[in-house]
C-alpha atoms as a PDB file:
ATOM      1  CA  MET A   1      99.909  94.244  99.356  1.00  0.00           C
ATOM      2  CA  ILE A   2     103.381  93.111  99.231  1.00  0.00           C
ATOM      3  CA  THR A   3     103.846  91.303 102.639  1.00  0.00           C
ATOM      4  CA  PRO A   4     103.486  87.563 102.815  1.00  0.00           C
ATOM      5  CA  PRO A   5     101.178  85.629 103.158  1.00  0.00           C
ATOM      6  CA  VAL A   6      98.559  87.665 101.313  1.00  0.00           C
ATOM      7  CA  GLY A   7     101.092  89.484  98.971  1.00  0.00           C
ATOM      8  CA  ALA A   8      98.829  89.888  95.980  1.00  0.00           C
ATOM      9  CA  VAL A   9     100.951  92.407  94.250  1.00  0.00           C
ATOM     10  CA  LEU A  10     104.008  90.599  95.038  1.00  0.00           C
ATOM     11  CA  ASN A  11     102.581  87.438  93.364  1.00  0.00           C
ATOM     12  CA  VAL A  12     101.580  89.405  90.425  1.00  0.00           C
ATOM     13  CA  VAL A  13     104.990  90.931  90.101  1.00  0.00           C
ATOM     14  CA  CYS A  14     106.714  87.433  90.246  1.00  0.00           C
ATOM     15  CA  GLY A  15     104.436  86.181  87.503  1.00  0.00           C
ATOM     16  CA  VAL A  16     104.960  89.157  85.195  1.00  0.00           C
ATOM     17  CA  ALA A  17     108.947  89.078  85.969  1.00  0.00           C
ATOM     18  CA  ARG A  18     108.980  85.327  85.917  1.00  0.00           C
ATOM     19  CA  ILE A  19     111.019  85.212  89.051  1.00  0.00           C
ATOM     20  CA  ARG A  20     110.745  82.905  92.073  1.00  0.00           C
ATOM     21  CA  MET A  21     108.845  84.147  95.063  1.00  0.00           C
ATOM     22  CA  ASP A  22     111.836  83.617  97.298  1.00  0.00           C
ATOM     23  CA  ASP A  23     113.911  85.915  95.347  1.00  0.00           C
ATOM     24  CA  ALA A  24     111.186  88.684  95.478  1.00  0.00           C
ATOM     25  CA  ILE A  25     110.739  88.423  99.159  1.00  0.00           C
ATOM     26  CA  LYS A  26     114.647  88.535  99.517  1.00  0.00           C
ATOM     27  CA  GLY A  27     114.272  92.056  97.763  1.00  0.00           C
ATOM     28  CA  VAL A  28     111.395  93.238  99.723  1.00  0.00           C
ATOM     29  CA  MET A  29     112.796  92.233 103.166  1.00  0.00           C
ATOM     30  CA  PRO A  30     115.064  95.149 103.936  1.00  0.00           C
ATOM     31  CA  PHE A  31     112.055  97.620 103.167  1.00  0.00           C
ATOM     32  CA  MET A  32     109.808  95.596 105.347  1.00  0.00           C
ATOM     33  CA  VAL A  33     112.412  95.671 108.202  1.00  0.00           C
ATOM     34  CA  ALA A  34     112.584  99.440 107.784  1.00  0.00           C
ATOM     35  CA  GLN A  35     108.649  99.859 108.105  1.00  0.00           C
ATOM     36  CA  LEU A  36     108.725  97.473 111.427  1.00  0.00           C
ATOM     37  CA  ILE A  37     111.385  99.685 112.839  1.00  0.00           C
ATOM     38  CA  VAL A  38     109.263 102.971 112.135  1.00  0.00           C
ATOM     39  CA  LEU A  39     106.168 101.247 113.462  1.00  0.00           C
ATOM     40  CA  LEU A  40     107.824 100.179 116.714  1.00  0.00           C
ATOM     41  CA  LEU A  41     109.275 103.887 117.114  1.00  0.00           C
ATOM     42  CA  LEU A  42     105.802 105.226 116.610  1.00  0.00           C
ATOM     43  CA  ILE A  43     104.361 102.816 119.092  1.00  0.00           C
ATOM     44  CA  LEU A  44     107.021 103.493 121.641  1.00  0.00           C
ATOM     45  CA  PHE A  45     107.287 107.233 121.309  1.00  0.00           C
ATOM     46  CA  PRO A  46     103.769 108.640 120.484  1.00  0.00           C
ATOM     47  CA  ALA A  47     105.026 112.149 120.669  1.00  0.00           C
ATOM     48  CA  LEU A  48     106.769 111.795 117.357  1.00  0.00           C
ATOM     49  CA  VAL A  49     103.353 111.814 115.691  1.00  0.00           C
ATOM     50  CA  THR A  50     101.377 114.140 118.264  1.00  0.00           C
ATOM     51  CA  VAL A  51     103.749 116.955 118.723  1.00  0.00           C
ATOM     52  CA  PRO A  52     104.069 118.000 115.072  1.00  0.00           C
ATOM     53  CA  ALA A  53     100.381 117.338 114.588  1.00  0.00           C
ATOM     54  CA  ALA A  54      99.686 119.748 117.421  1.00  0.00           C
ATOM     55  CA  TRP A  55     101.638 122.463 115.385  1.00  0.00           C
ATOM     56  CA  PHE A  56      98.898 122.604 112.658  1.00  0.00           C
ATOM     57  CA  HIS A  57      96.163 123.006 115.269  1.00  0.00           C
END
């Protein structure tokens, strides 16, 4: 909901706070990079998810 190009929540936040979209995207970008790094780690090393899940089985 915050990622461009859709970014419905990001658009609403910019309207309420009366800030430019560019400024809001700059603030969100570090979190997006962190999410992409975690996603890549989970894709490359699926055992990070499957091994702890097996502990509860």
